[in-house]
Amino acid sequence: MSDKEIYNKTINDFNDTMRRVNERLDAINLHISGFRKDLDAHGELALRLEDAIGGNKLNNNKGLYHKFEALSETTQELKEQMTLFNERMDNYKSGYTWGSRLTISSIVAFVIWYFTKK
């Protein structure tokens, strides 16, 4: 084999190797661009989730967290009001029972007095 043939074979081998390397780099670049698209989509989703939970300028920074806190406070207030209402109803019921007994006793006493007044 002559030097020229060895040189041509070496150049051909080198060109083959470079073609394979370039093909592999193109595949890697395509793969990375797919990852970039996924990361962009996930980043956008993360921002939308953050806006939904924490709020943004459009909803006066009142996201789901703040709404949940407001509902929790309202629920606590309603529980306190229900406790007061139940206490009042218990007092009313005991008063109503006492009043009804007094009324029935008064009616019975009146009937007895009316029939025995001769």
PDB file of N, CA and C in Angstrom:
ATOM      1  N   MET A   1       0.822  -1.166   0.000  1.00  0.00           N
ATOM      2  CA  MET A   1       0.000   0.000   0.000  1.00  0.00           C
ATOM      3  C   MET A   1       0.877   1.245   0.000  1.00  0.00           C
ATOM      4  N   SER A   2       0.466   2.147  -0.812  1.00  0.00           N
ATOM      5  CA  SER A   2       1.256   3.371  -0.927  1.00  0.00           C
ATOM      6  C   SER A   2       0.821   4.395   0.110  1.00  0.00           C
ATOM      7  N   ASP A   3       1.642   5.391   0.198  1.00  0.00           N
ATOM      8  CA  ASP A   3       1.328   6.438   1.172  1.00  0.00           C
ATOM      9  C   ASP A   3       0.026   7.136   0.829  1.00  0.00           C
ATOM     10  N   LYS A   4      -0.224   7.312  -0.453  1.00  0.00           N
ATOM     11  CA  LYS A   4      -1.449   7.981  -0.884  1.00  0.00           C
ATOM     12  C   LYS A   4      -2.666   7.155  -0.513  1.00  0.00           C
ATOM     13  N   GLU A   5      -2.610   5.848  -0.682  1.00  0.00           N
ATOM     14  CA  GLU A   5      -3.732   4.971  -0.323  1.00  0.00           C
ATOM     15  C   GLU A   5      -3.956   4.987   1.184  1.00  0.00           C
ATOM     16  N   ILE A   6      -2.870   4.958   1.943  1.00  0.00           N
ATOM     17  CA  ILE A   6      -2.996   5.010   3.403  1.00  0.00           C
ATOM     18  C   ILE A   6      -3.613   6.346   3.812  1.00  0.00           C
ATOM     19  N   TYR A   7      -3.153   7.410   3.157  1.00  0.00           N
ATOM     20  CA  TYR A   7      -3.683   8.744   3.470  1.00  0.00           C
ATOM     21  C   TYR A   7      -5.181   8.806   3.147  1.00  0.00           C
ATOM     22  N   ASN A   8      -5.600   8.315   1.984  1.00  0.00           N
ATOM     23  CA  ASN A   8      -7.018   8.328   1.570  1.00  0.00           C
ATOM     24  C   ASN A   8      -7.871   7.474   2.525  1.00  0.00           C
ATOM     25  N   LYS A   9      -7.333   6.307   2.930  1.00  0.00           N
ATOM     26  CA  LYS A   9      -8.072   5.444   3.858  1.00  0.00           C
ATOM     27  C   LYS A   9      -8.237   6.142   5.200  1.00  0.00           C
ATOM     28  N   THR A  10      -7.169   6.792   5.664  1.00  0.00           N
ATOM     29  CA  THR A  10      -7.234   7.500   6.931  1.00  0.00           C
ATOM     30  C   THR A  10      -8.245   8.635   6.847  1.00  0.00           C
ATOM     31  N   ILE A  11      -8.232   9.375   5.751  1.00  0.00           N
ATOM     32  CA  ILE A  11      -9.189  10.492   5.570  1.00  0.00           C
ATOM     33  C   ILE A  11     -10.606   9.947   5.518  1.00  0.00           C
ATOM     34  N   ASN A  12     -10.814   8.852   4.805  1.00  0.00           N
ATOM     35  CA  ASN A  12     -12.159   8.253   4.724  1.00  0.00           C
ATOM     36  C   ASN A  12     -12.630   7.777   6.098  1.00  0.00           C
ATOM     37  N   ASP A  13     -11.745   7.144   6.843  1.00  0.00           N
ATOM     38  CA  ASP A  13     -12.091   6.698   8.205  1.00  0.00           C
ATOM     39  C   ASP A  13     -12.424   7.896   9.091  1.00  0.00           C
ATOM     40  N   PHE A  14     -11.598   8.947   8.948  1.00  0.00           N
ATOM     41  CA  PHE A  14     -11.848  10.150   9.737  1.00  0.00           C
ATOM     42  C   PHE A  14     -13.185  10.783   9.366  1.00  0.00           C
ATOM     43  N   ASN A  15     -13.480  10.855   8.080  1.00  0.00           N
ATOM     44  CA  ASN A  15     -14.757  11.419   7.611  1.00  0.00           C
ATOM     45  C   ASN A  15     -15.940  10.583   8.102  1.00  0.00           C
ATOM     46  N   ASP A  16     -15.765   9.269   8.075  1.00  0.00           N
ATOM     47  CA  ASP A  16     -16.817   8.370   8.598  1.00  0.00           C
ATOM     48  C   ASP A  16     -17.049   8.619  10.088  1.00  0.00           C
ATOM     49  N   THR A  17     -15.951   8.716  10.823  1.00  0.00           N
ATOM     50  CA  THR A  17     -16.061   8.947  12.259  1.00  0.00           C
ATOM     51  C   THR A  17     -16.720  10.304  12.527  1.00  0.00           C
ATOM     52  N   MET A  18     -16.315  11.319  11.797  1.00  0.00           N
ATOM     53  CA  MET A  18     -16.900  12.653  11.978  1.00  0.00           C
ATOM     54  C   MET A  18     -18.391  12.656  11.615  1.00  0.00           C
ATOM     55  N   ARG A  19     -18.773  11.924  10.557  1.00  0.00           N
ATOM     56  CA  ARG A  19     -20.189  11.839  10.183  1.00  0.00           C
ATOM     57  C   ARG A  19     -20.992  11.202  11.305  1.00  0.00           C
ATOM     58  N   ARG A  20     -20.487  10.108  11.897  1.00  0.00           N
ATOM     59  CA  ARG A  20     -21.174   9.453  13.003  1.00  0.00           C
ATOM     60  C   ARG A  20     -21.261  10.364  14.231  1.00  0.00           C
ATOM     61  N   VAL A  21     -20.160  11.079  14.507  1.00  0.00           N
ATOM     62  CA  VAL A  21     -20.160  12.015  15.634  1.00  0.00           C
ATOM     63  C   VAL A  21     -21.190  13.114  15.401  1.00  0.00           C
ATOM     64  N   ASN A  22     -21.250  13.644  14.188  1.00  0.00           N
ATOM     65  CA  ASN A  22     -22.226  14.691  13.861  1.00  0.00           C
ATOM     66  C   ASN A  22     -23.659  14.185  13.965  1.00  0.00           C
ATOM     67  N   GLU A  23     -23.886  12.960  13.504  1.00  0.00           N
ATOM     68  CA  GLU A  23     -25.228  12.367  13.625  1.00  0.00           C
ATOM     69  C   GLU A  23     -25.618  12.212  15.099  1.00  0.00           C
ATOM     70  N   ARG A  24     -24.662  11.777  15.892  1.00  0.00           N
ATOM     71  CA  ARG A  24     -24.918  11.601  17.333  1.00  0.00           C
ATOM     72  C   ARG A  24     -25.182  12.946  18.003  1.00  0.00           C
ATOM     73  N   LEU A  25     -24.413  13.969  17.619  1.00  0.00           N
ATOM     74  CA  LEU A  25     -24.630  15.308  18.168  1.00  0.00           C
ATOM     75  C   LEU A  25     -26.001  15.861  17.761  1.00  0.00           C
ATOM     76  N   ASP A  26     -26.397  15.594  16.533  1.00  0.00           N
ATOM     77  CA  ASP A  26     -27.732  16.027  16.096  1.00  0.00           C
ATOM     78  C   ASP A  26     -28.821  15.338  16.908  1.00  0.00           C
ATOM     79  N   ALA A  27     -28.647  14.041  17.165  1.00  0.00           N
ATOM     80  CA  ALA A  27     -29.630  13.310  17.978  1.00  0.00           C
ATOM     81  C   ALA A  27     -29.672  13.863  19.403  1.00  0.00           C
ATOM     82  N   ILE A  28     -28.499  14.155  19.956  1.00  0.00           N
ATOM     83  CA  ILE A  28     -28.442  14.717  21.315  1.00  0.00           C
ATOM     84  C   ILE A  28     -29.100  16.096  21.345  1.00  0.00           C
ATOM     85  N   ASN A  29     -28.821  16.928  20.343  1.00  0.00           N
ATOM     86  CA  ASN A  29     -29.439  18.260  20.268  1.00  0.00           C
ATOM     87  C   ASN A  29     -30.959  18.163  20.155  1.00  0.00           C
ATOM     88  N   LEU A  30     -31.434  17.210  19.373  1.00  0.00           N
ATOM     89  CA  LEU A  30     -32.884  17.004  19.250  1.00  0.00           C
ATOM     90  C   LEU A  30     -33.476  16.586  20.596  1.00  0.00           C
ATOM     91  N   HIS A  31     -32.788  15.719  21.279  1.00  0.00           N
ATOM     92  CA  HIS A  31     -33.223  15.251  22.593  1.00  0.00           C
ATOM     93  C   HIS A  31     -33.247  16.416  23.591  1.00  0.00           C
ATOM     94  N   ILE A  32     -32.205  17.234  23.577  1.00  0.00           N
ATOM     95  CA  ILE A  32     -32.125  18.379  24.487  1.00  0.00           C
ATOM     96  C   ILE A  32     -33.218  19.387  24.165  1.00  0.00           C
ATOM     97  N   SER A  33     -33.503  19.605  22.897  1.00  0.00           N
ATOM     98  CA  SER A  33     -34.572  20.553  22.551  1.00  0.00           C
ATOM     99  C   SER A  33     -35.926  20.040  23.043  1.00  0.00           C
ATOM    100  N   GLY A  34     -36.116  18.729  23.046  1.00  0.00           N
ATOM    101  CA  GLY A  34     -37.335  18.155  23.617  1.00  0.00           C
ATOM    102  C   GLY A  34     -37.411  18.414  25.112  1.00  0.00           C
ATOM    103  N   PHE A  35     -36.268  18.264  25.790  1.00  0.00           N
ATOM    104  CA  PHE A  35     -36.220  18.570  27.226  1.00  0.00           C
ATOM    105  C   PHE A  35     -36.525  20.045  27.480  1.00  0.00           C
ATOM    106  N   ARG A  36     -36.013  20.925  26.634  1.00  0.00           N
ATOM    107  CA  ARG A  36     -36.258  22.357  26.804  1.00  0.00           C
ATOM    108  C   ARG A  36     -37.746  22.663  26.684  1.00  0.00           C
ATOM    109  N   LYS A  37     -38.398  22.033  25.710  1.00  0.00           N
ATOM    110  CA  LYS A  37     -39.838  22.247  25.548  1.00  0.00           C
ATOM    111  C   LYS A  37     -40.584  21.752  26.790  1.00  0.00           C
ATOM    112  N   ASP A  38     -40.190  20.584  27.295  1.00  0.00           N
ATOM    113  CA  ASP A  38     -40.825  20.047  28.506  1.00  0.00           C
ATOM    114  C   ASP A  38     -40.579  20.958  29.703  1.00  0.00           C
ATOM    115  N   LEU A  39     -39.347  21.456  29.845  1.00  0.00           N
ATOM    116  CA  LEU A  39     -39.033  22.350  30.957  1.00  0.00           C
ATOM    117  C   LEU A  39     -39.818  23.653  30.847  1.00  0.00           C
ATOM    118  N   ASP A  40     -39.953  24.175  29.636  1.00  0.00           N
ATOM    119  CA  ASP A  40     -40.753  25.389  29.453  1.00  0.00           C
ATOM    120  C   ASP A  40     -42.205  25.143  29.838  1.00  0.00           C
ATOM    121  N   ALA A  41     -42.741  23.999  29.428  1.00  0.00           N
ATOM    122  CA  ALA A  41     -44.129  23.667  29.758  1.00  0.00           C
ATOM    123  C   ALA A  41     -44.295  23.499  31.263  1.00  0.00           C
ATOM    124  N   HIS A  42     -43.350  22.801  31.903  1.00  0.00           N
ATOM    125  CA  HIS A  42     -43.428  22.601  33.353  1.00  0.00           C
ATOM    126  C   HIS A  42     -43.236  23.922  34.102  1.00  0.00           C
ATOM    127  N   GLY A  43     -42.347  24.773  33.591  1.00  0.00           N
ATOM    128  CA  GLY A  43     -42.146  26.078  34.209  1.00  0.00           C
ATOM    129  C   GLY A  43     -43.399  26.927  34.142  1.00  0.00           C
ATOM    130  N   GLU A  44     -44.056  26.921  32.996  1.00  0.00           N
ATOM    131  CA  GLU A  44     -45.312  27.667  32.840  1.00  0.00           C
ATOM    132  C   GLU A  44     -46.388  27.099  33.751  1.00  0.00           C
ATOM    133  N   LEU A  45     -46.455  25.788  33.836  1.00  0.00           N
ATOM    134  CA  LEU A  45     -47.426  25.153  34.725  1.00  0.00           C
ATOM    135  C   LEU A  45     -47.138  25.509  36.185  1.00  0.00           C
ATOM    136  N   ALA A  46     -45.859  25.503  36.561  1.00  0.00           N
ATOM    137  CA  ALA A  46     -45.492  25.862  37.933  1.00  0.00           C
ATOM    138  C   ALA A  46     -45.885  27.304  38.241  1.00  0.00           C
ATOM    139  N   LEU A  47     -45.688  28.209  37.298  1.00  0.00           N
ATOM    140  CA  LEU A  47     -46.093  29.606  37.505  1.00  0.00           C
ATOM    141  C   LEU A  47     -47.606  29.733  37.647  1.00  0.00           C
ATOM    142  N   ARG A  48     -48.339  29.005  36.826  1.00  0.00           N
ATOM    143  CA  ARG A  48     -49.804  29.067  36.933  1.00  0.00           C
ATOM    144  C   ARG A  48     -50.280  28.488  38.254  1.00  0.00           C
ATOM    145  N   LEU A  49     -49.630  27.406  38.717  1.00  0.00           N
ATOM    146  CA  LEU A  49     -49.984  26.848  40.022  1.00  0.00           C
ATOM    147  C   LEU A  49     -49.670  27.832  41.141  1.00  0.00           C
ATOM    148  N   GLU A  50     -48.523  28.484  41.044  1.00  0.00           N
ATOM    149  CA  GLU A  50     -48.149  29.481  42.049  1.00  0.00           C
ATOM    150  C   GLU A  50     -49.160  30.624  42.067  1.00  0.00           C
ATOM    151  N   ASP A  51     -49.583  31.064  40.889  1.00  0.00           N
ATOM    152  CA  ASP A  51     -50.594  32.124  40.821  1.00  0.00           C
ATOM    153  C   ASP A  51     -51.922  31.668  41.397  1.00  0.00           C
ATOM    154  N   ALA A  52     -52.288  30.422  41.150  1.00  0.00           N
ATOM    155  CA  ALA A  52     -53.567  29.918  41.665  1.00  0.00           C
ATOM    156  C   ALA A  52     -53.529  29.776  43.186  1.00  0.00           C
ATOM    157  N   ILE A  53     -52.422  29.310  43.718  1.00  0.00           N
ATOM    158  CA  ILE A  53     -52.339  29.092  45.160  1.00  0.00           C
ATOM    159  C   ILE A  53     -52.084  30.401  45.908  1.00  0.00           C
ATOM    160  N   GLY A  54     -51.125  31.191  45.432  1.00  0.00           N
ATOM    161  CA  GLY A  54     -50.750  32.401  46.152  1.00  0.00           C
ATOM    162  C   GLY A  54     -51.440  33.654  45.663  1.00  0.00           C
ATOM    163  N   GLY A  55     -51.914  33.636  44.445  1.00  0.00           N
ATOM    164  CA  GLY A  55     -52.559  34.807  43.877  1.00  0.00           C
ATOM    165  C   GLY A  55     -51.605  35.603  43.005  1.00  0.00           C
ATOM    166  N   ASN A  56     -52.177  36.543  42.272  1.00  0.00           N
ATOM    167  CA  ASN A  56     -51.383  37.431  41.426  1.00  0.00           C
ATOM    168  C   ASN A  56     -52.051  38.805  41.394  1.00  0.00           C
ATOM    169  N   LYS A  57     -51.541  39.704  40.579  1.00  0.00           N
ATOM    170  CA  LYS A  57     -52.079  41.064  40.539  1.00  0.00           C
ATOM    171  C   LYS A  57     -53.525  41.091  40.046  1.00  0.00           C
ATOM    172  N   LEU A  58     -53.887  40.151  39.189  1.00  0.00           N
ATOM    173  CA  LEU A  58     -55.239  40.149  38.631  1.00  0.00           C
ATOM    174  C   LEU A  58     -56.307  39.849  39.688  1.00  0.00           C
ATOM    175  N   ASN A  59     -55.975  39.046  40.682  1.00  0.00           N
ATOM    176  CA  ASN A  59     -56.952  38.731  41.725  1.00  0.00           C
ATOM    177  C   ASN A  59     -56.527  39.306  43.077  1.00  0.00           C
ATOM    178  N   ASN A  60     -55.808  40.435  43.026  1.00  0.00           N
ATOM    179  CA  ASN A  60     -55.375  41.144  44.236  1.00  0.00           C
ATOM    180  C   ASN A  60     -54.593  40.253  45.206  1.00  0.00           C
ATOM    181  N   ASN A  61     -53.785  39.373  44.650  1.00  0.00           N
ATOM    182  CA  ASN A  61     -52.954  38.459  45.455  1.00  0.00           C
ATOM    183  C   ASN A  61     -53.780  37.637  46.425  1.00  0.00           C
ATOM    184  N   LYS A  62     -54.969  37.256  46.029  1.00  0.00           N
ATOM    185  CA  LYS A  62     -55.821  36.419  46.870  1.00  0.00           C
ATOM    186  C   LYS A  62     -56.076  35.110  46.130  1.00  0.00           C
ATOM    187  N   GLY A  63     -55.165  34.192  46.321  1.00  0.00           N
ATOM    188  CA  GLY A  63     -55.287  32.887  45.685  1.00  0.00           C
ATOM    189  C   GLY A  63     -56.054  31.926  46.570  1.00  0.00           C
ATOM    190  N   LEU A  64     -55.927  30.656  46.266  1.00  0.00           N
ATOM    191  CA  LEU A  64     -56.648  29.621  46.998  1.00  0.00           C
ATOM    192  C   LEU A  64     -56.265  29.603  48.471  1.00  0.00           C
ATOM    193  N   TYR A  65     -55.012  29.853  48.778  1.00  0.00           N
ATOM    194  CA  TYR A  65     -54.573  29.846  50.172  1.00  0.00           C
ATOM    195  C   TYR A  65     -55.312  30.910  50.968  1.00  0.00           C
ATOM    196  N   HIS A  66     -55.376  32.109  50.421  1.00  0.00           N
ATOM    197  CA  HIS A  66     -56.040  33.203  51.126  1.00  0.00           C
ATOM    198  C   HIS A  66     -57.541  32.959  51.238  1.00  0.00           C
ATOM    199  N   LYS A  67     -58.112  32.387  50.192  1.00  0.00           N
ATOM    200  CA  LYS A  67     -59.541  32.075  50.237  1.00  0.00           C
ATOM    201  C   LYS A  67     -59.819  30.990  51.277  1.00  0.00           C
ATOM    202  N   PHE A  68     -58.921  30.018  51.361  1.00  0.00           N
ATOM    203  CA  PHE A  68     -59.076  28.968  52.360  1.00  0.00           C
ATOM    204  C   PHE A  68     -58.977  29.548  53.762  1.00  0.00           C
ATOM    205  N   GLU A  69     -58.042  30.466  53.971  1.00  0.00           N
ATOM    206  CA  GLU A  69     -57.899  31.108  55.276  1.00  0.00           C
ATOM    207  C   GLU A  69     -59.165  31.881  55.624  1.00  0.00           C
ATOM    208  N   ALA A  70     -59.727  32.606  54.653  1.00  0.00           N
ATOM    209  CA  ALA A  70     -60.953  33.367  54.899  1.00  0.00           C
ATOM    210  C   ALA A  70     -62.099  32.423  55.238  1.00  0.00           C
ATOM    211  N   LEU A  71     -62.205  31.313  54.519  1.00  0.00           N
ATOM    212  CA  LEU A  71     -63.256  30.335  54.806  1.00  0.00           C
ATOM    213  C   LEU A  71     -63.064  29.713  56.176  1.00  0.00           C
ATOM    214  N   SER A  72     -61.827  29.471  56.549  1.00  0.00           N
ATOM    215  CA  SER A  72     -61.542  28.899  57.860  1.00  0.00           C
ATOM    216  C   SER A  72     -61.961  29.865  58.962  1.00  0.00           C
ATOM    217  N   GLU A  73     -61.642  31.151  58.788  1.00  0.00           N
ATOM    218  CA  GLU A  73     -62.050  32.153  59.775  1.00  0.00           C
ATOM    219  C   GLU A  73     -63.570  32.257  59.855  1.00  0.00           C
ATOM    220  N   THR A  74     -64.229  32.251  58.701  1.00  0.00           N
ATOM    221  CA  THR A  74     -65.692  32.326  58.674  1.00  0.00           C
ATOM    222  C   THR A  74     -66.304  31.116  59.353  1.00  0.00           C
ATOM    223  N   THR A  75     -65.742  29.955  59.102  1.00  0.00           N
ATOM    224  CA  THR A  75     -66.233  28.738  59.742  1.00  0.00           C
ATOM    225  C   THR A  75     -66.082  28.817  61.249  1.00  0.00           C
ATOM    226  N   GLN A  76     -64.953  29.328  61.705  1.00  0.00           N
ATOM    227  CA  GLN A  76     -64.727  29.469  63.155  1.00  0.00           C
ATOM    228  C   GLN A  76     -65.737  30.440  63.758  1.00  0.00           C
ATOM    229  N   GLU A  77     -65.998  31.554  63.073  1.00  0.00           N
ATOM    230  CA  GLU A  77     -66.990  32.516  63.557  1.00  0.00           C
ATOM    231  C   GLU A  77     -68.376  31.883  63.623  1.00  0.00           C
ATOM    232  N   LEU A  78     -68.715  31.110  62.595  1.00  0.00           N
ATOM    233  CA  LEU A  78     -70.023  30.448  62.585  1.00  0.00           C
ATOM    234  C   LEU A  78     -70.141  29.430  63.715  1.00  0.00           C
ATOM    235  N   LYS A  79     -69.049  28.722  64.008  1.00  0.00           N
ATOM    236  CA  LYS A  79     -69.075  27.774  65.126  1.00  0.00           C
ATOM    237  C   LYS A  79     -69.326  28.506  66.439  1.00  0.00           C
ATOM    238  N   GLU A  80     -68.654  29.649  66.608  1.00  0.00           N
ATOM    239  CA  GLU A  80     -68.851  30.425  67.829  1.00  0.00           C
ATOM    240  C   GLU A  80     -70.285  30.936  67.926  1.00  0.00           C
ATOM    241  N   GLN A  81     -70.833  31.401  66.804  1.00  0.00           N
ATOM    242  CA  GLN A  81     -72.219  31.877  66.796  1.00  0.00           C
ATOM    243  C   GLN A  81     -73.192  30.744  67.089  1.00  0.00           C
ATOM    244  N   MET A  82     -72.915  29.569  66.555  1.00  0.00           N
ATOM    245  CA  MET A  82     -73.793  28.421  66.815  1.00  0.00           C
ATOM    246  C   MET A  82     -73.743  28.032  68.287  1.00  0.00           C
ATOM    247  N   THR A  83     -72.568  28.119  68.899  1.00  0.00           N
ATOM    248  CA  THR A  83     -72.448  27.817  70.329  1.00  0.00           C
ATOM    249  C   THR A  83     -73.287  28.794  71.141  1.00  0.00           C
ATOM    250  N   LEU A  84     -73.192  30.082  70.815  1.00  0.00           N
ATOM    251  CA  LEU A  84     -74.011  31.079  71.511  1.00  0.00           C
ATOM    252  C   LEU A  84     -75.495  30.845  71.273  1.00  0.00           C
ATOM    253  N   PHE A  85     -75.849  30.523  70.039  1.00  0.00           N
ATOM    254  CA  PHE A  85     -77.240  30.260  69.704  1.00  0.00           C
ATOM    255  C   PHE A  85     -77.774  29.062  70.488  1.00  0.00           C
ATOM    256  N   ASN A  86     -76.982  27.995  70.567  1.00  0.00           N
ATOM    257  CA  ASN A  86     -77.406  26.804  71.313  1.00  0.00           C
ATOM    258  C   ASN A  86     -77.578  27.120  72.795  1.00  0.00           C
ATOM    259  N   GLU A  87     -76.681  27.944  73.348  1.00  0.00           N
ATOM    260  CA  GLU A  87     -76.828  28.332  74.749  1.00  0.00           C
ATOM    261  C   GLU A  87     -78.112  29.143  74.955  1.00  0.00           C
ATOM    262  N   ARG A  88     -78.393  30.067  74.048  1.00  0.00           N
ATOM    263  CA  ARG A  88     -79.626  30.857  74.145  1.00  0.00           C
ATOM    264  C   ARG A  88     -80.856  29.976  74.021  1.00  0.00           C
ATOM    265  N   MET A  89     -80.791  29.011  73.111  1.00  0.00           N
ATOM    266  CA  MET A  89     -81.944  28.118  72.935  1.00  0.00           C
ATOM    267  C   MET A  89     -82.161  27.272  74.192  1.00  0.00           C
ATOM    268  N   ASP A  90     -81.088  26.822  74.804  1.00  0.00           N
ATOM    269  CA  ASP A  90     -81.228  26.064  76.053  1.00  0.00           C
ATOM    270  C   ASP A  90     -81.878  26.928  77.127  1.00  0.00           C
ATOM    271  N   ASN A  91     -81.440  28.173  77.227  1.00  0.00           N
ATOM    272  CA  ASN A  91     -82.051  29.090  78.204  1.00  0.00           C
ATOM    273  C   ASN A  91     -83.526  29.336  77.860  1.00  0.00           C
ATOM    274  N   TYR A  92     -83.814  29.517  76.589  1.00  0.00           N
ATOM    275  CA  TYR A  92     -85.193  29.763  76.156  1.00  0.00           C
ATOM    276  C   TYR A  92     -86.074  28.549  76.438  1.00  0.00           C
ATOM    277  N   LYS A  93     -85.537  27.362  76.132  1.00  0.00           N
ATOM    278  CA  LYS A  93     -86.310  26.138  76.380  1.00  0.00           C
ATOM    279  C   LYS A  93     -86.608  25.962  77.862  1.00  0.00           C
ATOM    280  N   SER A  94     -85.617  26.216  78.694  1.00  0.00           N
ATOM    281  CA  SER A  94     -85.867  26.064  80.123  1.00  0.00           C
ATOM    282  C   SER A  94     -86.864  27.125  80.591  1.00  0.00           C
ATOM    283  N   GLY A  95     -86.778  28.319  80.069  1.00  0.00           N
ATOM    284  CA  GLY A  95     -87.755  29.356  80.400  1.00  0.00           C
ATOM    285  C   GLY A  95     -89.126  29.031  79.862  1.00  0.00           C
ATOM    286  N   TYR A  96     -89.174  28.500  78.660  1.00  0.00           N
ATOM    287  CA  TYR A  96     -90.444  28.125  78.046  1.00  0.00           C
ATOM    288  C   TYR A  96     -91.100  27.004  78.851  1.00  0.00           C
ATOM    289  N   THR A  97     -90.327  26.047  79.274  1.00  0.00           N
ATOM    290  CA  THR A  97     -90.857  24.946  80.083  1.00  0.00           C
ATOM    291  C   THR A  97     -91.386  25.477  81.408  1.00  0.00           C
ATOM    292  N   TRP A  98     -90.636  26.342  82.049  1.00  0.00           N
ATOM    293  CA  TRP A  98     -91.059  26.926  83.318  1.00  0.00           C
ATOM    294  C   TRP A  98     -92.327  27.751  83.117  1.00  0.00           C
ATOM    295  N   GLY A  99     -92.374  28.533  82.025  1.00  0.00           N
ATOM    296  CA  GLY A  99     -93.556  29.357  81.742  1.00  0.00           C
ATOM    297  C   GLY A  99     -94.774  28.520  81.438  1.00  0.00           C
ATOM    298  N   SER A 100     -94.604  27.454  80.692  1.00  0.00           N
ATOM    299  CA  SER A 100     -95.756  26.595  80.362  1.00  0.00           C
ATOM    300  C   SER A 100     -96.287  25.912  81.618  1.00  0.00           C
ATOM    301  N   ARG A 101     -95.410  25.498  82.491  1.00  0.00           N
ATOM    302  CA  ARG A 101     -95.858  24.880  83.745  1.00  0.00           C
ATOM    303  C   ARG A 101     -96.626  25.891  84.589  1.00  0.00           C
ATOM    304  N   LEU A 102     -96.122  27.123  84.622  1.00  0.00           N
ATOM    305  CA  LEU A 102     -96.799  28.168  85.376  1.00  0.00           C
ATOM    306  C   LEU A 102     -98.180  28.449  84.789  1.00  0.00           C
ATOM    307  N   THR A 103     -98.280  28.507  83.472  1.00  0.00           N
ATOM    308  CA  THR A 103     -99.559  28.768  82.810  1.00  0.00           C
ATOM    309  C   THR A 103    -100.542  27.644  83.075  1.00  0.00           C
ATOM    310  N   ILE A 104    -100.111  26.410  82.918  1.00  0.00           N
ATOM    311  CA  ILE A 104    -101.009  25.266  83.155  1.00  0.00           C
ATOM    312  C   ILE A 104    -101.440  25.235  84.615  1.00  0.00           C
ATOM    313  N   SER A 105    -100.525  25.494  85.526  1.00  0.00           N
ATOM    314  CA  SER A 105    -100.879  25.524  86.960  1.00  0.00           C
ATOM    315  C   SER A 105    -101.881  26.634  87.237  1.00  0.00           C
ATOM    316  N   SER A 106    -101.708  27.780  86.593  1.00  0.00           N
ATOM    317  CA  SER A 106    -102.635  28.890  86.788  1.00  0.00           C
ATOM    318  C   SER A 106    -104.021  28.534  86.275  1.00  0.00           C
ATOM    319  N   ILE A 107    -104.087  27.876  85.127  1.00  0.00           N
ATOM    320  CA  ILE A 107    -105.388  27.478  84.560  1.00  0.00           C
ATOM    321  C   ILE A 107    -106.079  26.471  85.476  1.00  0.00           C
ATOM    322  N   VAL A 108    -105.313  25.481  85.947  1.00  0.00           N
ATOM    323  CA  VAL A 108    -105.888  24.481  86.852  1.00  0.00           C
ATOM    324  C   VAL A 108    -106.379  25.158  88.136  1.00  0.00           C
ATOM    325  N   ALA A 109    -105.578  26.080  88.685  1.00  0.00           N
ATOM    326  CA  ALA A 109    -105.980  26.788  89.899  1.00  0.00           C
ATOM    327  C   ALA A 109    -107.227  27.618  89.651  1.00  0.00           C
ATOM    328  N   PHE A 110    -107.320  28.253  88.472  1.00  0.00           N
ATOM    329  CA  PHE A 110    -108.505  29.050  88.151  1.00  0.00           C
ATOM    330  C   PHE A 110    -109.741  28.166  88.047  1.00  0.00           C
ATOM    331  N   VAL A 111    -109.602  27.024  87.375  1.00  0.00           N
ATOM    332  CA  VAL A 111    -110.739  26.113  87.223  1.00  0.00           C
ATOM    333  C   VAL A 111    -111.198  25.621  88.603  1.00  0.00           C
ATOM    334  N   ILE A 112    -110.269  25.235  89.435  1.00  0.00           N
ATOM    335  CA  ILE A 112    -110.630  24.777  90.784  1.00  0.00           C
ATOM    336  C   ILE A 112    -111.290  25.906  91.558  1.00  0.00           C
ATOM    337  N   TRP A 113    -110.736  27.093  91.507  1.00  0.00           N
ATOM    338  CA  TRP A 113    -111.307  28.241  92.212  1.00  0.00           C
ATOM    339  C   TRP A 113    -112.699  28.551  91.696  1.00  0.00           C
ATOM    340  N   TYR A 114    -112.879  28.502  90.353  1.00  0.00           N
ATOM    341  CA  TYR A 114    -114.164  28.845  89.754  1.00  0.00           C
ATOM    342  C   TYR A 114    -115.261  27.880  90.205  1.00  0.00           C
ATOM    343  N   PHE A 115    -114.941  26.593  90.239  1.00  0.00           N
ATOM    344  CA  PHE A 115    -115.966  25.620  90.602  1.00  0.00           C
ATOM    345  C   PHE A 115    -116.162  25.490  92.106  1.00  0.00           C
ATOM    346  N   THR A 116    -115.230  25.971  92.885  1.00  0.00           N
ATOM    347  CA  THR A 116    -115.374  25.854  94.338  1.00  0.00           C
ATOM    348  C   THR A 116    -115.696  27.190  94.996  1.00  0.00           C
ATOM    349  N   LYS A 117    -116.031  28.217  94.285  1.00  0.00           N
ATOM    350  CA  LYS A 117    -116.227  29.524  94.872  1.00  0.00           C
ATOM    351  C   LYS A 117    -117.568  29.686  95.584  1.00  0.00           C
ATOM    352  N   LYS A 118    -118.534  28.825  95.541  1.00  0.00           N
ATOM    353  CA  LYS A 118    -119.824  28.937  96.197  1.00  0.00           C
ATOM    354  C   LYS A 118    -119.672  29.059  97.625  1.00  0.00           C
TER     355      LYS A 118
END
